[in-house]
Full PDB file with SEQRES, HELIX, SHEET, SSBOND, CRYST1, ORIGX, SCALE, CONECT and MASTER records, all heavy atoms in Angstrom:
SEQRES   1 A   40  HIS THR THR PRO SER LYS TRP HIS GLU LYS VAL ASP ALA          
SEQRES   2 A   40  ALA TYR LYS ALA GLY CYS ARG ARG PHE ASP GLY ALA ILE          
SEQRES   3 A   40  GLN GLY PHE GLY GLY CYS PRO MET ALA LYS ASP GLU LEU          
SEQRES   4 A   40  THR                                                          
HELIX    1 AA1 TRP A    7  LYS A   16  1                                  10    
HELIX    2 AA2 ILE A   26  GLY A   28  5                                   3    
CRYST1    1.000    1.000    1.000  90.00  90.00  90.00 P 1           1          
ORIGX1      1.000000  0.000000  0.000000        0.00000                         
ORIGX2      0.000000  1.000000  0.000000        0.00000                         
ORIGX3      0.000000  0.000000  1.000000        0.00000                         
SCALE1      1.000000  0.000000  0.000000        0.00000                         
SCALE2      0.000000  1.000000  0.000000        0.00000                         
SCALE3      0.000000  0.000000  1.000000        0.00000                         
ATOM      1  N   HIS A   1      82.466 105.104  82.003  1.00  0.00           N  
ATOM      2  CA  HIS A   1      81.952 106.468  81.987  1.00  0.00           C  
ATOM      3  C   HIS A   1      81.662 106.820  80.531  1.00  0.00           C  
ATOM      4  O   HIS A   1      82.325 106.322  79.622  1.00  0.00           O  
ATOM      5  CB  HIS A   1      82.951 107.442  82.604  1.00  0.00           C  
ATOM      6  CG  HIS A   1      83.107 107.271  84.077  1.00  0.00           C  
ATOM      7  ND1 HIS A   1      84.074 107.930  84.821  1.00  0.00           N  
ATOM      8  CD2 HIS A   1      82.421 106.507  84.971  1.00  0.00           C  
ATOM      9  CE1 HIS A   1      83.959 107.585  86.099  1.00  0.00           C  
ATOM     10  NE2 HIS A   1      82.975 106.726  86.207  1.00  0.00           N  
ATOM     11  N   THR A   2      80.661 107.674  80.341  1.00  0.00           N  
ATOM     12  CA  THR A   2      80.208 107.890  78.977  1.00  0.00           C  
ATOM     13  C   THR A   2      79.545 109.252  78.805  1.00  0.00           C  
ATOM     14  O   THR A   2      79.079 109.843  79.778  1.00  0.00           O  
ATOM     15  CB  THR A   2      79.200 106.782  78.573  1.00  0.00           C  
ATOM     16  OG1 THR A   2      78.831 106.945  77.207  1.00  0.00           O  
ATOM     17  CG2 THR A   2      77.947 106.821  79.440  1.00  0.00           C  
ATOM     18  N   THR A   3      79.518 109.718  77.572  1.00  0.00           N  
ATOM     19  CA  THR A   3      78.657 110.852  77.229  1.00  0.00           C  
ATOM     20  C   THR A   3      77.289 110.269  76.873  1.00  0.00           C  
ATOM     21  O   THR A   3      77.174 109.078  76.577  1.00  0.00           O  
ATOM     22  CB  THR A   3      79.226 111.637  76.028  1.00  0.00           C  
ATOM     23  OG1 THR A   3      79.474 110.708  74.956  1.00  0.00           O  
ATOM     24  CG2 THR A   3      80.526 112.346  76.380  1.00  0.00           C  
ATOM     25  N   PRO A   4      76.224 111.092  76.899  1.00  0.00           N  
ATOM     26  CA  PRO A   4      74.876 110.565  76.679  1.00  0.00           C  
ATOM     27  C   PRO A   4      74.700 109.788  75.376  1.00  0.00           C  
ATOM     28  O   PRO A   4      73.906 108.846  75.312  1.00  0.00           O  
ATOM     29  CB  PRO A   4      73.997 111.827  76.683  1.00  0.00           C  
ATOM     30  CG  PRO A   4      74.736 112.780  77.560  1.00  0.00           C  
ATOM     31  CD  PRO A   4      76.192 112.524  77.305  1.00  0.00           C  
ATOM     32  N   SER A   5      75.435 110.146  74.343  1.00  0.00           N  
ATOM     33  CA  SER A   5      75.219 109.498  73.038  1.00  0.00           C  
ATOM     34  C   SER A   5      76.011 108.193  72.866  1.00  0.00           C  
ATOM     35  O   SER A   5      75.769 107.445  71.923  1.00  0.00           O  
ATOM     36  CB  SER A   5      75.600 110.457  71.908  1.00  0.00           C  
ATOM     37  OG  SER A   5      76.978 110.778  71.982  1.00  0.00           O  
ATOM     38  N   LYS A   6      76.958 107.924  73.785  1.00  0.00           N  
ATOM     39  CA  LYS A   6      77.853 106.781  73.558  1.00  0.00           C  
ATOM     40  C   LYS A   6      77.551 105.573  74.460  1.00  0.00           C  
ATOM     41  O   LYS A   6      78.233 104.563  74.386  1.00  0.00           O  
ATOM     42  CB  LYS A   6      79.314 107.207  73.810  1.00  0.00           C  
ATOM     43  CG  LYS A   6      79.809 108.324  72.899  1.00  0.00           C  
ATOM     44  CD  LYS A   6      80.216 107.795  71.546  1.00  0.00           C  
ATOM     45  CE  LYS A   6      80.729 108.883  70.622  1.00  0.00           C  
ATOM     46  NZ  LYS A   6      82.009 109.428  71.003  1.00  0.00           N  
ATOM     47  N   TRP A   7      76.544 105.684  75.336  1.00  0.00           N  
ATOM     48  CA  TRP A   7      76.340 104.619  76.333  1.00  0.00           C  
ATOM     49  C   TRP A   7      76.044 103.274  75.672  1.00  0.00           C  
ATOM     50  O   TRP A   7      76.583 102.238  76.080  1.00  0.00           O  
ATOM     51  CB  TRP A   7      75.212 105.008  77.304  1.00  0.00           C  
ATOM     52  CG  TRP A   7      73.844 104.914  76.692  1.00  0.00           C  
ATOM     53  CD1 TRP A   7      73.165 105.892  76.034  1.00  0.00           C  
ATOM     54  CD2 TRP A   7      73.013 103.745  76.637  1.00  0.00           C  
ATOM     55  NE1 TRP A   7      71.958 105.420  75.568  1.00  0.00           N  
ATOM     56  CE2 TRP A   7      71.839 104.102  75.930  1.00  0.00           C  
ATOM     57  CE3 TRP A   7      73.138 102.432  77.099  1.00  0.00           C  
ATOM     58  CZ2 TRP A   7      70.800 103.199  75.699  1.00  0.00           C  
ATOM     59  CZ3 TRP A   7      72.104 101.541  76.864  1.00  0.00           C  
ATOM     60  CH2 TRP A   7      70.957 101.917  76.170  1.00  0.00           C  
ATOM     61  N   HIS A   8      75.192 103.269  74.629  1.00  0.00           N  
ATOM     62  CA  HIS A   8      74.724 102.006  74.060  1.00  0.00           C  
ATOM     63  C   HIS A   8      75.866 101.212  73.437  1.00  0.00           C  
ATOM     64  O   HIS A   8      76.013 100.002  73.685  1.00  0.00           O  
ATOM     65  CB  HIS A   8      73.639 102.261  73.009  1.00  0.00           C  
ATOM     66  CG  HIS A   8      73.040 100.997  72.463  1.00  0.00           C  
ATOM     67  ND1 HIS A   8      73.623 100.265  71.443  1.00  0.00           N  
ATOM     68  CD2 HIS A   8      71.931 100.299  72.821  1.00  0.00           C  
ATOM     69  CE1 HIS A   8      72.889  99.194  71.182  1.00  0.00           C  
ATOM     70  NE2 HIS A   8      71.865  99.189  72.006  1.00  0.00           N  
ATOM     71  N   GLU A   9      76.711 101.885  72.666  1.00  0.00           N  
ATOM     72  CA  GLU A   9      77.779 101.155  71.975  1.00  0.00           C  
ATOM     73  C   GLU A   9      78.789 100.576  72.971  1.00  0.00           C  
ATOM     74  O   GLU A   9      79.365  99.513  72.729  1.00  0.00           O  
ATOM     75  CB  GLU A   9      78.477 102.062  70.960  1.00  0.00           C  
ATOM     76  CG  GLU A   9      79.159 103.281  71.539  1.00  0.00           C  
ATOM     77  CD  GLU A   9      79.647 104.258  70.461  1.00  0.00           C  
ATOM     78  OE1 GLU A   9      78.902 104.530  69.505  1.00  0.00           O  
ATOM     79  OE2 GLU A   9      80.782 104.740  70.599  1.00  0.00           O  
ATOM     80  N   LYS A  10      78.965 101.243  74.121  1.00  0.00           N  
ATOM     81  CA  LYS A  10      79.911 100.743  75.122  1.00  0.00           C  
ATOM     82  C   LYS A  10      79.358  99.526  75.857  1.00  0.00           C  
ATOM     83  O   LYS A  10      80.049  98.514  76.020  1.00  0.00           O  
ATOM     84  CB  LYS A  10      80.267 101.857  76.114  1.00  0.00           C  
ATOM     85  CG  LYS A  10      81.055 103.002  75.480  1.00  0.00           C  
ATOM     86  CD  LYS A  10      81.554 103.999  76.505  1.00  0.00           C  
ATOM     87  CE  LYS A  10      82.382 105.093  75.842  1.00  0.00           C  
ATOM     88  NZ  LYS A  10      83.107 105.925  76.793  1.00  0.00           N  
ATOM     89  N   VAL A  11      78.120  99.616  76.316  1.00  0.00           N  
ATOM     90  CA  VAL A  11      77.491  98.471  76.992  1.00  0.00           C  
ATOM     91  C   VAL A  11      77.396  97.283  76.043  1.00  0.00           C  
ATOM     92  O   VAL A  11      77.689  96.139  76.408  1.00  0.00           O  
ATOM     93  CB  VAL A  11      76.082  98.845  77.517  1.00  0.00           C  
ATOM     94  CG1 VAL A  11      75.340  97.615  78.005  1.00  0.00           C  
ATOM     95  CG2 VAL A  11      76.189  99.857  78.642  1.00  0.00           C  
ATOM     96  N   ASP A  12      77.005  97.562  74.824  1.00  0.00           N  
ATOM     97  CA  ASP A  12      76.841  96.510  73.815  1.00  0.00           C  
ATOM     98  C   ASP A  12      78.157  95.777  73.562  1.00  0.00           C  
ATOM     99  O   ASP A  12      78.203  94.543  73.515  1.00  0.00           O  
ATOM    100  CB  ASP A  12      76.321  97.151  72.513  1.00  0.00           C  
ATOM    101  CG  ASP A  12      75.904  96.123  71.478  1.00  0.00           C  
ATOM    102  OD1 ASP A  12      75.083  95.246  71.819  1.00  0.00           O  
ATOM    103  OD2 ASP A  12      76.397  96.200  70.333  1.00  0.00           O  
ATOM    104  N   ALA A  13      79.246  96.537  73.456  1.00  0.00           N  
ATOM    105  CA  ALA A  13      80.558  95.927  73.206  1.00  0.00           C  
ATOM    106  C   ALA A  13      80.980  95.047  74.375  1.00  0.00           C  
ATOM    107  O   ALA A  13      81.452  93.920  74.188  1.00  0.00           O  
ATOM    108  CB  ALA A  13      81.605  97.012  72.957  1.00  0.00           C  
ATOM    109  N   ALA A  14      80.803  95.541  75.610  1.00  0.00           N  
ATOM    110  CA  ALA A  14      81.212  94.770  76.793  1.00  0.00           C  
ATOM    111  C   ALA A  14      80.355  93.521  76.962  1.00  0.00           C  
ATOM    112  O   ALA A  14      80.867  92.426  77.241  1.00  0.00           O  
ATOM    113  CB  ALA A  14      81.126  95.650  78.039  1.00  0.00           C  
ATOM    114  N   TYR A  15      79.052  93.668  76.783  1.00  0.00           N  
ATOM    115  CA  TYR A  15      78.138  92.526  76.977  1.00  0.00           C  
ATOM    116  C   TYR A  15      78.401  91.431  75.940  1.00  0.00           C  
ATOM    117  O   TYR A  15      78.491  90.249  76.279  1.00  0.00           O  
ATOM    118  CB  TYR A  15      76.689  93.012  76.899  1.00  0.00           C  
ATOM    119  CG  TYR A  15      75.684  91.929  77.219  1.00  0.00           C  
ATOM    120  CD1 TYR A  15      75.504  91.497  78.530  1.00  0.00           C  
ATOM    121  CD2 TYR A  15      74.917  91.334  76.219  1.00  0.00           C  
ATOM    122  CE1 TYR A  15      74.584  90.502  78.845  1.00  0.00           C  
ATOM    123  CE2 TYR A  15      73.998  90.341  76.513  1.00  0.00           C  
ATOM    124  CZ  TYR A  15      73.833  89.935  77.822  1.00  0.00           C  
ATOM    125  OH  TYR A  15      72.925  88.931  78.120  1.00  0.00           O  
ATOM    126  N   LYS A  16      78.560  91.849  74.693  1.00  0.00           N  
ATOM    127  CA  LYS A  16      78.781  90.856  73.622  1.00  0.00           C  
ATOM    128  C   LYS A  16      80.150  90.200  73.746  1.00  0.00           C  
ATOM    129  O   LYS A  16      80.369  89.099  73.242  1.00  0.00           O  
ATOM    130  CB  LYS A  16      78.609  91.510  72.254  1.00  0.00           C  
ATOM    131  CG  LYS A  16      77.131  91.766  71.942  1.00  0.00           C  
ATOM    132  CD  LYS A  16      76.921  92.437  70.605  1.00  0.00           C  
ATOM    133  CE  LYS A  16      75.429  92.569  70.314  1.00  0.00           C  
ATOM    134  NZ  LYS A  16      75.168  93.447  69.158  1.00  0.00           N  
ATOM    135  N   ALA A  17      81.086  90.859  74.452  1.00  0.00           N  
ATOM    136  CA  ALA A  17      82.416  90.275  74.664  1.00  0.00           C  
ATOM    137  C   ALA A  17      82.448  89.379  75.905  1.00  0.00           C  
ATOM    138  O   ALA A  17      83.493  88.831  76.239  1.00  0.00           O  
ATOM    139  CB  ALA A  17      83.456  91.376  74.793  1.00  0.00           C  
ATOM    140  N   GLY A  18      81.306  89.259  76.593  1.00  0.00           N  
ATOM    141  CA  GLY A  18      81.226  88.314  77.704  1.00  0.00           C  
ATOM    142  C   GLY A  18      81.182  88.912  79.090  1.00  0.00           C  
ATOM    143  O   GLY A  18      81.099  88.178  80.084  1.00  0.00           O  
ATOM    144  N   CYS A  19      81.249  90.243  79.209  1.00  0.00           N  
ATOM    145  CA  CYS A  19      81.190  90.864  80.539  1.00  0.00           C  
ATOM    146  C   CYS A  19      79.776  90.738  81.099  1.00  0.00           C  
ATOM    147  O   CYS A  19      78.790  90.979  80.389  1.00  0.00           O  
ATOM    148  CB  CYS A  19      81.580  92.336  80.452  1.00  0.00           C  
ATOM    149  SG  CYS A  19      81.584  93.164  82.062  1.00  0.00           S  
ATOM    150  N   ARG A  20      79.685  90.366  82.382  1.00  0.00           N  
ATOM    151  CA  ARG A  20      78.377  90.198  83.023  1.00  0.00           C  
ATOM    152  C   ARG A  20      78.274  90.962  84.340  1.00  0.00           C  
ATOM    153  O   ARG A  20      77.381  90.712  85.140  1.00  0.00           O  
ATOM    154  CB  ARG A  20      78.080  88.701  83.242  1.00  0.00           C  
ATOM    155  CG  ARG A  20      77.901  87.892  81.973  1.00  0.00           C  
ATOM    156  CD  ARG A  20      76.688  88.363  81.175  1.00  0.00           C  
ATOM    157  NE  ARG A  20      76.483  87.639  79.932  1.00  0.00           N  
ATOM    158  CZ  ARG A  20      76.949  88.018  78.751  1.00  0.00           C  
ATOM    159  NH1 ARG A  20      77.684  89.127  78.648  1.00  0.00           N  
ATOM    160  NH2 ARG A  20      76.701  87.328  77.661  1.00  0.00           N  
ATOM    161  N   ARG A  21      79.177  91.869  84.576  1.00  0.00           N  
ATOM    162  CA  ARG A  21      79.147  92.707  85.781  1.00  0.00           C  
ATOM    163  C   ARG A  21      79.277  94.161  85.332  1.00  0.00           C  
ATOM    164  O   ARG A  21      80.285  94.543  84.734  1.00  0.00           O  
ATOM    165  CB  ARG A  21      80.299  92.321  86.716  1.00  0.00           C  
ATOM    166  CG  ARG A  21      80.383  93.165  87.997  1.00  0.00           C  
ATOM    167  CD  ARG A  21      81.657  92.841  88.785  1.00  0.00           C  
ATOM    168  NE  ARG A  21      81.762  93.697  89.947  1.00  0.00           N  
ATOM    169  CZ  ARG A  21      81.330  93.378  91.165  1.00  0.00           C  
ATOM    170  NH1 ARG A  21      80.780  92.197  91.388  1.00  0.00           N  
ATOM    171  NH2 ARG A  21      81.464  94.225  92.176  1.00  0.00           N  
ATOM    172  N   PHE A  22      78.253  94.962  85.611  1.00  0.00           N  
ATOM    173  CA  PHE A  22      78.219  96.335  85.123  1.00  0.00           C  
ATOM    174  C   PHE A  22      77.908  97.306  86.249  1.00  0.00           C  
ATOM    175  O   PHE A  22      76.943  97.123  86.983  1.00  0.00           O  
ATOM    176  CB  PHE A  22      77.148  96.484  84.030  1.00  0.00           C  
ATOM    177  CG  PHE A  22      77.507  95.824  82.731  1.00  0.00           C  
ATOM    178  CD1 PHE A  22      77.294  94.462  82.526  1.00  0.00           C  
ATOM    179  CD2 PHE A  22      78.072  96.566  81.698  1.00  0.00           C  
ATOM    180  CE1 PHE A  22      77.636  93.854  81.327  1.00  0.00           C  
ATOM    181  CE2 PHE A  22      78.416  95.964  80.492  1.00  0.00           C  
ATOM    182  CZ  PHE A  22      78.197  94.609  80.310  1.00  0.00           C  
ATOM    183  N   ASP A  23      78.733  98.350  86.370  1.00  0.00           N  
ATOM    184  CA  ASP A  23      78.486  99.430  87.321  1.00  0.00           C  
ATOM    185  C   ASP A  23      77.701 100.537  86.624  1.00  0.00           C  
ATOM    186  O   ASP A  23      77.952 100.847  85.456  1.00  0.00           O  
ATOM    187  CB  ASP A  23      79.805 100.042  87.805  1.00  0.00           C  
ATOM    188  CG  ASP A  23      80.580  99.117  88.731  1.00  0.00           C  
ATOM    189  OD1 ASP A  23      80.219  97.934  88.838  1.00  0.00           O  
ATOM    190  OD2 ASP A  23      81.553  99.585  89.348  1.00  0.00           O  
ATOM    191  N   GLY A  24      76.803 101.151  87.377  1.00  0.00           N  
ATOM    192  CA  GLY A  24      76.059 102.273  86.823  1.00  0.00           C  
ATOM    193  C   GLY A  24      75.544 103.180  87.922  1.00  0.00           C  
ATOM    194  O   GLY A  24      75.693 102.890  89.111  1.00  0.00           O  
ATOM    195  N   ALA A  25      74.958 104.287  87.519  1.00  0.00           N  
ATOM    196  CA  ALA A  25      74.305 105.194  88.458  1.00  0.00           C  
ATOM    197  C   ALA A  25      73.086 105.778  87.749  1.00  0.00           C  
ATOM    198  O   ALA A  25      73.137 106.090  86.558  1.00  0.00           O  
ATOM    199  CB  ALA A  25      75.250 106.313  88.894  1.00  0.00           C  
ATOM    200  N   ILE A  26      71.996 105.873  88.490  1.00  0.00           N  
ATOM    201  CA  ILE A  26      70.759 106.406  87.908  1.00  0.00           C  
ATOM    202  C   ILE A  26      71.024 107.752  87.239  1.00  0.00           C  
ATOM    203  O   ILE A  26      71.690 108.624  87.794  1.00  0.00           O  
ATOM    204  CB  ILE A  26      69.679 106.520  89.003  1.00  0.00           C  
ATOM    205  CG1 ILE A  26      69.151 105.104  89.347  1.00  0.00           C  
ATOM    206  CG2 ILE A  26      68.528 107.407  88.564  1.00  0.00           C  
ATOM    207  CD1 ILE A  26      68.218 105.044  90.530  1.00  0.00           C  
ATOM    208  N   GLN A  27      70.518 107.863  86.010  1.00  0.00           N  
ATOM    209  CA  GLN A  27      70.669 109.062  85.162  1.00  0.00           C  
ATOM    210  C   GLN A  27      72.125 109.426  84.861  1.00  0.00           C  
ATOM    211  O   GLN A  27      72.408 110.521  84.378  1.00  0.00           O  
ATOM    212  CB  GLN A  27      69.950 110.261  85.795  1.00  0.00           C  
ATOM    213  CG  GLN A  27      68.458 110.245  85.532  1.00  0.00           C  
ATOM    214  CD  GLN A  27      67.894 111.594  85.125  1.00  0.00           C  
ATOM    215  OE1 GLN A  27      68.427 112.641  85.443  1.00  0.00           O  
ATOM    216  NE2 GLN A  27      66.790 111.569  84.419  1.00  0.00           N  
ATOM    217  N   GLY A  28      73.046 108.520  85.160  1.00  0.00           N  
ATOM    218  CA  GLY A  28      74.456 108.798  84.871  1.00  0.00           C  
ATOM    219  C   GLY A  28      75.065 109.845  85.775  1.00  0.00           C  
ATOM    220  O   GLY A  28      76.121 110.404  85.456  1.00  0.00           O  
ATOM    221  N   PHE A  29      74.423 110.097  86.922  1.00  0.00           N  
ATOM    222  CA  PHE A  29      74.949 111.113  87.831  1.00  0.00           C  
ATOM    223  C   PHE A  29      76.361 110.735  88.271  1.00  0.00           C  
ATOM    224  O   PHE A  29      76.689 109.577  88.441  1.00  0.00           O  
ATOM    225  CB  PHE A  29      74.057 111.247  89.074  1.00  0.00           C  
ATOM    226  CG  PHE A  29      72.721 111.859  88.796  1.00  0.00           C  
ATOM    227  CD1 PHE A  29      71.553 111.215  89.156  1.00  0.00           C  
ATOM    228  CD2 PHE A  29      72.626 113.100  88.173  1.00  0.00           C  
ATOM    229  CE1 PHE A  29      70.317 111.783  88.909  1.00  0.00           C  
ATOM    230  CE2 PHE A  29      71.392 113.682  87.917  1.00  0.00           C  
ATOM    231  CZ  PHE A  29      70.226 113.016  88.283  1.00  0.00           C  
ATOM    232  N   GLY A  30      77.180 111.764  88.500  1.00  0.00           N  
ATOM    233  CA  GLY A  30      78.535 111.521  88.995  1.00  0.00           C  
ATOM    234  C   GLY A  30      79.513 111.254  87.871  1.00  0.00           C  
ATOM    235  O   GLY A  30      79.382 111.765  86.762  1.00  0.00           O  
ATOM    236  N   GLY A  31      80.495 110.424  88.169  1.00  0.00           N  
ATOM    237  CA  GLY A  31      81.597 110.209  87.233  1.00  0.00           C  
ATOM    238  C   GLY A  31      82.838 110.867  87.796  1.00  0.00           C  
ATOM    239  O   GLY A  31      82.810 111.494  88.844  1.00  0.00           O  
ATOM    240  N   CYS A  32      83.919 110.719  87.102  1.00  0.00           N  
ATOM    241  CA  CYS A  32      85.183 111.232  87.623  1.00  0.00           C  
ATOM    242  C   CYS A  32      85.248 112.755  87.512  1.00  0.00           C  
ATOM    243  O   CYS A  32      85.072 113.297  86.417  1.00  0.00           O  
ATOM    244  CB  CYS A  32      86.355 110.621  86.853  1.00  0.00           C  
ATOM    245  SG  CYS A  32      87.940 111.209  87.461  1.00  0.00           S  
ATOM    246  N   PRO A  33      85.517 113.439  88.637  1.00  0.00           N  
ATOM    247  CA  PRO A  33      85.598 114.902  88.567  1.00  0.00           C  
ATOM    248  C   PRO A  33      86.759 115.394  87.709  1.00  0.00           C  
ATOM    249  O   PRO A  33      86.818 116.563  87.346  1.00  0.00           O  
ATOM    250  CB  PRO A  33      85.786 115.324  90.033  1.00  0.00           C  
ATOM    251  CG  PRO A  33      86.211 114.101  90.767  1.00  0.00           C  
ATOM    252  CD  PRO A  33      85.699 112.935  89.997  1.00  0.00           C  
ATOM    253  N   MET A  34      87.699 114.486  87.371  1.00  0.00           N  
ATOM    254  CA  MET A  34      88.837 114.899  86.545  1.00  0.00           C  
ATOM    255  C   MET A  34      88.548 114.770  85.050  1.00  0.00           C  
ATOM    256  O   MET A  34      89.389 115.115  84.232  1.00  0.00           O  
ATOM    257  CB  MET A  34      90.078 114.074  86.914  1.00  0.00           C  
ATOM    258  CG  MET A  34      90.584 114.411  88.299  1.00  0.00           C  
ATOM    259  SD  MET A  34      91.977 113.432  88.776  1.00  0.00           S  
ATOM    260  CE  MET A  34      91.981 113.730  90.533  1.00  0.00           C  
ATOM    261  N   ALA A  35      87.374 114.241  84.725  1.00  0.00           N  
ATOM    262  CA  ALA A  35      87.016 114.199  83.300  1.00  0.00           C  
ATOM    263  C   ALA A  35      86.797 115.629  82.817  1.00  0.00           C  
ATOM    264  O   ALA A  35      86.085 116.407  83.435  1.00  0.00           O  
ATOM    265  CB  ALA A  35      85.746 113.370  83.108  1.00  0.00           C  
ATOM    266  N   LYS A  36      87.428 115.970  81.707  1.00  0.00           N  
ATOM    267  CA  LYS A  36      87.359 117.363  81.248  1.00  0.00           C  
ATOM    268  C   LYS A  36      85.987 117.709  80.668  1.00  0.00           C  
ATOM    269  O   LYS A  36      85.546 118.833  80.711  1.00  0.00           O  
ATOM    270  CB  LYS A  36      88.444 117.609  80.198  1.00  0.00           C  
ATOM    271  CG  LYS A  36      89.861 117.533  80.779  1.00  0.00           C  
ATOM    272  CD  LYS A  36      90.874 118.059  79.785  1.00  0.00           C  
ATOM    273  CE  LYS A  36      92.264 118.146  80.382  1.00  0.00           C  
ATOM    274  NZ  LYS A  36      92.900 116.867  80.518  1.00  0.00           N  
ATOM    275  N   ASP A  37      85.299 116.708  80.119  1.00  0.00           N  
ATOM    276  CA  ASP A  37      84.009 116.951  79.478  1.00  0.00           C  
ATOM    277  C   ASP A  37      82.912 116.800  80.529  1.00  0.00           C  
ATOM    278  O   ASP A  37      82.706 115.731  81.071  1.00  0.00           O  
ATOM    279  CB  ASP A  37      83.810 115.929  78.349  1.00  0.00           C  
ATOM    280  CG  ASP A  37      82.537 116.160  77.569  1.00  0.00           C  
ATOM    281  OD1 ASP A  37      81.687 116.949  78.036  1.00  0.00           O  
ATOM    282  OD2 ASP A  37      82.384 115.550  76.509  1.00  0.00           O  
ATOM    283  N   GLU A  38      82.184 117.889  80.799  1.00  0.00           N  
ATOM    284  CA  GLU A  38      81.178 117.819  81.862  1.00  0.00           C  
ATOM    285  C   GLU A  38      80.008 116.909  81.496  1.00  0.00           C  
ATOM    286  O   GLU A  38      79.203 116.554  82.348  1.00  0.00           O  
ATOM    287  CB  GLU A  38      80.656 119.222  82.196  1.00  0.00           C  
ATOM    288  CG  GLU A  38      79.987 119.933  81.052  1.00  0.00           C  
ATOM    289  CD  GLU A  38      79.575 121.361  81.434  1.00  0.00           C  
ATOM    290  OE1 GLU A  38      80.214 121.970  82.299  1.00  0.00           O  
ATOM    291  OE2 GLU A  38      78.600 121.834  80.838  1.00  0.00           O  
ATOM    292  N   LEU A  39      79.898 116.520  80.221  1.00  0.00           N  
ATOM    293  CA  LEU A  39      78.846 115.578  79.825  1.00  0.00           C  
ATOM    294  C   LEU A  39      79.233 114.129  80.122  1.00  0.00           C  
ATOM    295  O   LEU A  39      78.418 113.229  80.008  1.00  0.00           O  
ATOM    296  CB  LEU A  39      78.542 115.720  78.325  1.00  0.00           C  
ATOM    297  CG  LEU A  39      77.876 117.033  77.904  1.00  0.00           C  
ATOM    298  CD1 LEU A  39      77.728 117.078  76.393  1.00  0.00           C  
ATOM    299  CD2 LEU A  39      76.527 117.195  78.574  1.00  0.00           C  
ATOM    300  N   THR A  40      80.502 113.909  80.482  1.00  0.00           N  
ATOM    301  CA  THR A  40      80.949 112.550  80.779  1.00  0.00           C  
ATOM    302  C   THR A  40      80.548 112.189  82.204  1.00  0.00           C  
ATOM    303  O   THR A  40      80.995 112.812  83.159  1.00  0.00           O  
ATOM    304  CB  THR A  40      82.475 112.430  80.629  1.00  0.00           C  
ATOM    305  OG1 THR A  40      82.830 112.742  79.285  1.00  0.00           O  
ATOM    306  CG2 THR A  40      82.939 111.015  80.933  1.00  0.00           C  
TER     307      THR A  40                                                      
MASTER        0    0    0    2    0    0    0    6  306    1    0    4          
END                                                                             
């Protein structure tokens, strides 16, 4: 889960560390309702 400005650094870190399975949702809709930041 991410805020709009942090998506690239997170994907980049996981991919370069060898992860090849990624979950996502178009336009980042959804996410955990318990996240306090509504941009997450």
